[in-house]
C-alpha atoms as a PDB file:
ATOM      1  CA  MET A   1     125.361  68.429  67.762  1.00  0.00           C
ATOM      2  CA  SER A   2     123.490  71.335  66.843  1.00  0.00           C
ATOM      3  CA  ALA A   3     123.451  74.604  68.503  1.00  0.00           C
ATOM      4  CA  ARG A   4     120.398  75.219  70.692  1.00  0.00           C
ATOM      5  CA  LYS A   5     118.508  78.741  69.585  1.00  0.00           C
ATOM      6  CA  PRO A   6     118.165  81.062  72.629  1.00  0.00           C
ATOM      7  CA  ILE A   7     114.332  80.583  73.924  1.00  0.00           C
ATOM      8  CA  LYS A   8     112.757  83.922  72.873  1.00  0.00           C
ATOM      9  CA  THR A   9     110.317  85.779  75.666  1.00  0.00           C
ATOM     10  CA  GLY A  10     108.271  88.638  76.183  1.00  0.00           C
ATOM     11  CA  ARG A  11     109.082  92.306  77.608  1.00  0.00           C
ATOM     12  CA  PRO A  12     108.701  91.634  81.554  1.00  0.00           C
ATOM     13  CA  ASP A  13     105.849  93.289  82.371  1.00  0.00           C
ATOM     14  CA  VAL A  14     107.372  94.675  85.762  1.00  0.00           C
ATOM     15  CA  LYS A  15     110.618  96.157  86.632  1.00  0.00           C
ATOM     16  CA  PRO A  16     112.777  94.007  88.936  1.00  0.00           C
ATOM     17  CA  ASP A  17     113.008  96.631  91.510  1.00  0.00           C
ATOM     18  CA  ALA A  18     109.052  96.966  92.185  1.00  0.00           C
ATOM     19  CA  PRO A  19     107.729  96.650  95.662  1.00  0.00           C
ATOM     20  CA  SER A  20     106.404  92.603  96.508  1.00  0.00           C
ATOM     21  CA  HIS A  21     103.671  95.026  98.637  1.00  0.00           C
ATOM     22  CA  VAL A  22     101.345  97.748  97.009  1.00  0.00           C
ATOM     23  CA  LYS A  23      99.617  99.509  99.825  1.00  0.00           C
ATOM     24  CA  GLY A  24      95.640  99.298  99.612  1.00  0.00           C
ATOM     25  CA  VAL A  25      96.213  95.638  98.087  1.00  0.00           C
ATOM     26  CA  LYS A  26      94.487  93.134 101.131  1.00  0.00           C
ATOM     27  CA  GLU A  27      96.636  90.220 101.784  1.00  0.00           C
ATOM     28  CA  GLY A  28      94.529  86.800 101.972  1.00  0.00           C
ATOM     29  CA  ASN A  29      95.090  86.664 105.567  1.00  0.00           C
ATOM     30  CA  ALA A  30      93.924  90.088 106.661  1.00  0.00           C
ATOM     31  CA  THR A  31      90.893  90.420 109.642  1.00  0.00           C
ATOM     32  CA  GLY A  32      87.635  89.470 107.965  1.00  0.00           C
ATOM     33  CA  ASN A  33      88.660  87.274 105.441  1.00  0.00           C
ATOM     34  CA  TYR A  34      87.772  83.915 106.674  1.00  0.00           C
ATOM     35  CA  ASP A  35      84.407  85.577 106.832  1.00  0.00           C
ATOM     36  CA  LYS A  36      83.709  86.064 102.963  1.00  0.00           C
ATOM     37  CA  GLN A  37      85.284  82.711 101.939  1.00  0.00           C
ATOM     38  CA  ASP A  38      82.832  79.479 101.675  1.00  0.00           C
ATOM     39  CA  GLY A  39      83.115  76.810 104.250  1.00  0.00           C
ATOM     40  CA  HIS A  40      83.874  78.942 106.509  1.00  0.00           C
ATOM     41  CA  LEU A  41      81.675  78.911 109.614  1.00  0.00           C
ATOM     42  CA  PRO A  42      80.914  81.961 112.154  1.00  0.00           C
ATOM     43  CA  ASP A  43      82.364  79.754 115.140  1.00  0.00           C
ATOM     44  CA  GLY A  44      85.252  78.993 113.819  1.00  0.00           C
ATOM     45  CA  ARG A  45      84.653  75.114 111.921  1.00  0.00           C
ATOM     46  CA  SER A  46      84.952  75.004 108.531  1.00  0.00           C
ATOM     47  CA  THR A  47      83.232  72.335 106.068  1.00  0.00           C
ATOM     48  CA  ALA A  48      83.988  70.667 102.881  1.00  0.00           C
ATOM     49  CA  ARG A  49      83.190  73.420 100.852  1.00  0.00           C
ATOM     50  CA  ARG A  50      86.658  74.954 101.890  1.00  0.00           C
ATOM     51  CA  SER A  51      88.807  72.329 100.649  1.00  0.00           C
ATOM     52  CA  THR A  52      86.935  71.596  97.811  1.00  0.00           C
ATOM     53  CA  GLY A  53      84.698  73.208  94.856  1.00  0.00           C
ATOM     54  CA  ILE A  54      83.561  69.603  93.499  1.00  0.00           C
ATOM     55  CA  ASN A  55      80.565  68.287  94.713  1.00  0.00           C
ATOM     56  CA  PRO A  56      81.324  69.360  98.240  1.00  0.00           C
ATOM     57  CA  GLY A  57      78.212  68.093  99.556  1.00  0.00           C
ATOM     58  CA  LYS A  58      79.435  64.486  99.440  1.00  0.00           C
ATOM     59  CA  HIS A  59      82.401  65.603 100.982  1.00  0.00           C
ATOM     60  CA  ASP A  60      80.229  66.396 104.539  1.00  0.00           C
ATOM     61  CA  PRO A  61      79.265  63.580 107.153  1.00  0.00           C
ATOM     62  CA  ILE A  62      76.542  61.149 105.959  1.00  0.00           C
ATOM     63  CA  ASP A  63      74.844  61.772 109.482  1.00  0.00           C
ATOM     64  CA  PRO A  64      74.185  65.105 111.042  1.00  0.00           C
ATOM     65  CA  GLY A  65      75.439  64.004 114.629  1.00  0.00           C
ATOM     66  CA  MET A  66      79.118  63.104 113.347  1.00  0.00           C
ATOM     67  CA  PRO A  67      81.994  65.667 113.183  1.00  0.00           C
ATOM     68  CA  ASN A  68      82.376  67.788 109.954  1.00  0.00           C
ATOM     69  CA  LEU A  69      86.202  66.908 108.979  1.00  0.00           C
ATOM     70  CA  SER A  70      86.987  68.881 106.079  1.00  0.00           C
ATOM     71  CA  PRO A  71      89.181  66.921 103.577  1.00  0.00           C
ATOM     72  CA  ALA A  72      92.330  68.957 104.068  1.00  0.00           C
END
């Protein structure tokens, strides 16, 4: 058996004791973020664009009278 060489890695870009949250950085679930995201309607419903970015129009219902159940 041959001895394995250690994996070469670069220098870490963050210190292990760095804080996980920096003041001023918005979190994904902050108030108002759903309004900015595609696929979220003002009344709280969602469209297929929320779940998929690939041909989202094909994932919407065929008949406008049908409910819009997003894939996820």
